[in-house]
Each structure stands twice: as C-alpha cells, then as structure tokens.
C-alpha cells in the first residue's frame, strides 16, 4: 500500500506531463518511502 506522499508524487509527475508508466515506476518503485517521496516533491515543486 502506497503512502500519501507517494500518491502525491505520482499525481505531481502526471501533472508535469510525464507518461503514466514512468510516473508509476518513479513513485511506486523508486520513491516508495515518505522520506524519498517528500525529497522528490521538494525538488519538483
């Protein structure tokens, strides 16, 4: 089960225009903890 931050990261990546498969790979396989997802969100926002 994904955390809220991981789901938020997925949505932000989608809104930036990245393909769904890429977003899922990054958010759910590579940035799957609150800490890593939060760090990536900080870079994106």
PDB file of N, CA and C in Angstrom:
ATOM      1  N   UNK A   1       0.839  -1.176   0.000  1.00  0.00           N
ATOM      2  CA  UNK A   1       0.000   0.000   0.000  1.00  0.00           C
ATOM      3  C   UNK A   1       0.889   1.247   0.000  1.00  0.00           C
ATOM      4  N   UNK A   2       0.601   2.159  -0.871  1.00  0.00           N
ATOM      5  CA  UNK A   2       1.412   3.360  -1.015  1.00  0.00           C
ATOM      6  C   UNK A   2       1.048   4.400   0.033  1.00  0.00           C
ATOM      7  N   UNK A   3       2.038   5.193   0.394  1.00  0.00           N
ATOM      8  CA  UNK A   3       1.783   6.270   1.346  1.00  0.00           C
ATOM      9  C   UNK A   3       1.144   7.460   0.632  1.00  0.00           C
ATOM     10  N   UNK A   4       0.655   8.387   1.420  1.00  0.00           N
ATOM     11  CA  UNK A   4       0.045   9.598   0.857  1.00  0.00           C
ATOM     12  C   UNK A   4       1.048  10.378   0.026  1.00  0.00           C
ATOM     13  N   UNK A   5       2.274  10.466   0.510  1.00  0.00           N
ATOM     14  CA  UNK A   5       3.319  11.223  -0.184  1.00  0.00           C
ATOM     15  C   UNK A   5       3.662  10.582  -1.522  1.00  0.00           C
ATOM     16  N   UNK A   6       3.679   9.262  -1.569  1.00  0.00           N
ATOM     17  CA  UNK A   6       3.961   8.567  -2.816  1.00  0.00           C
ATOM     18  C   UNK A   6       2.850   8.817  -3.826  1.00  0.00           C
ATOM     19  N   UNK A   7       1.611   8.775  -3.362  1.00  0.00           N
ATOM     20  CA  UNK A   7       0.479   9.076  -4.246  1.00  0.00           C
ATOM     21  C   UNK A   7       0.545  10.522  -4.739  1.00  0.00           C
ATOM     22  N   UNK A   8       0.914  11.425  -3.851  1.00  0.00           N
ATOM     23  CA  UNK A   8       1.032  12.833  -4.234  1.00  0.00           C
ATOM     24  C   UNK A   8       2.137  13.020  -5.278  1.00  0.00           C
ATOM     25  N   UNK A   9       3.244  12.328  -5.092  1.00  0.00           N
ATOM     26  CA  UNK A   9       4.338  12.390  -6.058  1.00  0.00           C
ATOM     27  C   UNK A   9       3.883  11.887  -7.423  1.00  0.00           C
ATOM     28  N   UNK A  10       3.164  10.799  -7.436  1.00  0.00           N
ATOM     29  CA  UNK A  10       2.631  10.245  -8.686  1.00  0.00           C
ATOM     30  C   UNK A  10       1.770  11.282  -9.408  1.00  0.00           C
ATOM     31  N   UNK A  11       0.879  11.937  -8.673  1.00  0.00           N
ATOM     32  CA  UNK A  11      -0.012  12.935  -9.268  1.00  0.00           C
ATOM     33  C   UNK A  11       0.749  14.149  -9.784  1.00  0.00           C
ATOM     34  N   UNK A  12       1.758  14.591  -9.045  1.00  0.00           N
ATOM     35  CA  UNK A  12       2.556  15.737  -9.485  1.00  0.00           C
ATOM     36  C   UNK A  12       3.298  15.393 -10.770  1.00  0.00           C
ATOM     37  N   UNK A  13       3.874  14.208 -10.835  1.00  0.00           N
ATOM     38  CA  UNK A  13       4.574  13.798 -12.048  1.00  0.00           C
ATOM     39  C   UNK A  13       3.619  13.734 -13.238  1.00  0.00           C
ATOM     40  N   UNK A  14       2.416  13.201 -13.022  1.00  0.00           N
ATOM     41  CA  UNK A  14       1.419  13.163 -14.095  1.00  0.00           C
ATOM     42  C   UNK A  14       1.059  14.571 -14.561  1.00  0.00           C
ATOM     43  N   UNK A  15       0.869  15.470 -13.611  1.00  0.00           N
ATOM     44  CA  UNK A  15       0.518  16.850 -13.952  1.00  0.00           C
ATOM     45  C   UNK A  15       1.632  17.558 -14.717  1.00  0.00           C
ATOM     46  N   UNK A  16       2.861  17.100 -14.528  1.00  0.00           N
ATOM     47  CA  UNK A  16       4.000  17.672 -15.251  1.00  0.00           C
ATOM     48  C   UNK A  16       4.110  17.132 -16.670  1.00  0.00           C
ATOM     49  N   UNK A  17       3.255  16.166 -17.014  1.00  0.00           N
ATOM     50  CA  UNK A  17       3.214  15.671 -18.384  1.00  0.00           C
ATOM     51  C   UNK A  17       3.998  14.399 -18.644  1.00  0.00           C
ATOM     52  N   UNK A  18       4.487  13.753 -17.605  1.00  0.00           N
ATOM     53  CA  UNK A  18       5.219  12.506 -17.795  1.00  0.00           C
ATOM     54  C   UNK A  18       4.244  11.356 -18.060  1.00  0.00           C
ATOM     55  N   UNK A  19       4.672  10.350 -18.815  1.00  0.00           N
ATOM     56  CA  UNK A  19       3.799   9.198 -19.091  1.00  0.00           C
ATOM     57  C   UNK A  19       3.451   8.433 -17.807  1.00  0.00           C
ATOM     58  N   UNK A  20       2.266   7.817 -17.799  1.00  0.00           N
ATOM     59  CA  UNK A  20       1.795   7.083 -16.617  1.00  0.00           C
ATOM     60  C   UNK A  20       2.760   5.996 -16.176  1.00  0.00           C
ATOM     61  N   UNK A  21       3.296   5.261 -17.118  1.00  0.00           N
ATOM     62  CA  UNK A  21       4.211   4.161 -16.780  1.00  0.00           C
ATOM     63  C   UNK A  21       5.473   4.694 -16.088  1.00  0.00           C
ATOM     64  N   UNK A  22       5.990   5.801 -16.595  1.00  0.00           N
ATOM     65  CA  UNK A  22       7.163   6.425 -15.985  1.00  0.00           C
ATOM     66  C   UNK A  22       6.851   6.905 -14.576  1.00  0.00           C
ATOM     67  N   UNK A  23       5.703   7.563 -14.413  1.00  0.00           N
ATOM     68  CA  UNK A  23       5.301   8.077 -13.100  1.00  0.00           C
ATOM     69  C   UNK A  23       5.169   6.951 -12.077  1.00  0.00           C
ATOM     70  N   UNK A  24       4.555   5.857 -12.503  1.00  0.00           N
ATOM     71  CA  UNK A  24       4.387   4.712 -11.604  1.00  0.00           C
ATOM     72  C   UNK A  24       5.738   4.118 -11.222  1.00  0.00           C
ATOM     73  N   UNK A  25       6.633   4.023 -12.179  1.00  0.00           N
ATOM     74  CA  UNK A  25       7.971   3.473 -11.925  1.00  0.00           C
ATOM     75  C   UNK A  25       8.712   4.326 -10.894  1.00  0.00           C
ATOM     76  N   UNK A  26       8.694   5.621 -11.086  1.00  0.00           N
ATOM     77  CA  UNK A  26       9.392   6.523 -10.162  1.00  0.00           C
ATOM     78  C   UNK A  26       8.728   6.536  -8.790  1.00  0.00           C
ATOM     79  N   UNK A  27       7.430   6.760  -8.761  1.00  0.00           N
ATOM     80  CA  UNK A  27       6.734   6.939  -7.483  1.00  0.00           C
ATOM     81  C   UNK A  27       6.632   5.656  -6.675  1.00  0.00           C
ATOM     82  N   UNK A  28       6.258   4.572  -7.309  1.00  0.00           N
ATOM     83  CA  UNK A  28       5.944   3.357  -6.553  1.00  0.00           C
ATOM     84  C   UNK A  28       7.085   2.357  -6.437  1.00  0.00           C
ATOM     85  N   UNK A  29       8.096   2.482  -7.292  1.00  0.00           N
ATOM     86  CA  UNK A  29       9.219   1.537  -7.184  1.00  0.00           C
ATOM     87  C   UNK A  29      10.481   2.199  -6.649  1.00  0.00           C
ATOM     88  N   UNK A  30      10.711   3.468  -7.000  1.00  0.00           N
ATOM     89  CA  UNK A  30      11.957   4.119  -6.602  1.00  0.00           C
ATOM     90  C   UNK A  30      11.816   5.077  -5.435  1.00  0.00           C
ATOM     91  N   UNK A  31      10.689   5.737  -5.329  1.00  0.00           N
ATOM     92  CA  UNK A  31      10.468   6.721  -4.260  1.00  0.00           C
ATOM     93  C   UNK A  31       9.327   6.252  -3.370  1.00  0.00           C
ATOM     94  N   UNK A  32       9.420   5.059  -2.855  1.00  0.00           N
ATOM     95  CA  UNK A  32       8.291   4.434  -2.183  1.00  0.00           C
ATOM     96  C   UNK A  32       8.252   4.625  -0.665  1.00  0.00           C
ATOM     97  N   UNK A  33       9.095   5.489  -0.138  1.00  0.00           N
ATOM     98  CA  UNK A  33       9.001   5.812   1.290  1.00  0.00           C
ATOM     99  C   UNK A  33       8.619   7.279   1.426  1.00  0.00           C
ATOM    100  N   UNK A  34       8.084   7.650   2.571  1.00  0.00           N
ATOM    101  CA  UNK A  34       7.703   9.046   2.795  1.00  0.00           C
ATOM    102  C   UNK A  34       8.900   9.975   2.639  1.00  0.00           C
ATOM    103  N   UNK A  35      10.039   9.553   3.148  1.00  0.00           N
ATOM    104  CA  UNK A  35      11.227  10.410   3.085  1.00  0.00           C
ATOM    105  C   UNK A  35      11.642  10.674   1.638  1.00  0.00           C
ATOM    106  N   UNK A  36      11.784   9.629   0.847  1.00  0.00           N
ATOM    107  CA  UNK A  36      12.243   9.819  -0.531  1.00  0.00           C
ATOM    108  C   UNK A  36      11.192  10.533  -1.383  1.00  0.00           C
ATOM    109  N   UNK A  37       9.930  10.216  -1.173  1.00  0.00           N
ATOM    110  CA  UNK A  37       8.873  10.889  -1.925  1.00  0.00           C
ATOM    111  C   UNK A  37       8.822  12.373  -1.570  1.00  0.00           C
ATOM    112  N   UNK A  38       8.994  12.699  -0.299  1.00  0.00           N
ATOM    113  CA  UNK A  38       8.991  14.098   0.130  1.00  0.00           C
ATOM    114  C   UNK A  38      10.161  14.851  -0.480  1.00  0.00           C
ATOM    115  N   UNK A  39      11.324  14.232  -0.506  1.00  0.00           N
ATOM    116  CA  UNK A  39      12.501  14.880  -1.106  1.00  0.00           C
ATOM    117  C   UNK A  39      12.276  15.149  -2.588  1.00  0.00           C
ATOM    118  N   UNK A  40      11.735  14.196  -3.297  1.00  0.00           N
ATOM    119  CA  UNK A  40      11.478  14.376  -4.720  1.00  0.00           C
ATOM    120  C   UNK A  40      10.426  15.455  -4.950  1.00  0.00           C
ATOM    121  N   UNK A  41       9.383  15.489  -4.129  1.00  0.00           N
ATOM    122  CA  UNK A  41       8.371  16.529  -4.227  1.00  0.00           C
ATOM    123  C   UNK A  41       8.975  17.911  -4.023  1.00  0.00           C
ATOM    124  N   UNK A  42       9.908  18.033  -3.083  1.00  0.00           N
ATOM    125  CA  UNK A  42      10.556  19.304  -2.847  1.00  0.00           C
ATOM    126  C   UNK A  42      11.313  19.773  -4.081  1.00  0.00           C
ATOM    127  N   UNK A  43      11.964  18.855  -4.767  1.00  0.00           N
ATOM    128  CA  UNK A  43      12.684  19.214  -5.989  1.00  0.00           C
ATOM    129  C   UNK A  43      11.728  19.638  -7.097  1.00  0.00           C
ATOM    130  N   UNK A  44      10.607  18.953  -7.206  1.00  0.00           N
ATOM    131  CA  UNK A  44       9.652  19.236  -8.274  1.00  0.00           C
ATOM    132  C   UNK A  44       8.862  20.521  -8.054  1.00  0.00           C
ATOM    133  N   UNK A  45       8.563  20.799  -6.805  1.00  0.00           N
ATOM    134  CA  UNK A  45       7.728  21.959  -6.515  1.00  0.00           C
ATOM    135  C   UNK A  45       8.598  23.159  -6.228  1.00  0.00           C
TER     136      UNK A  45
END
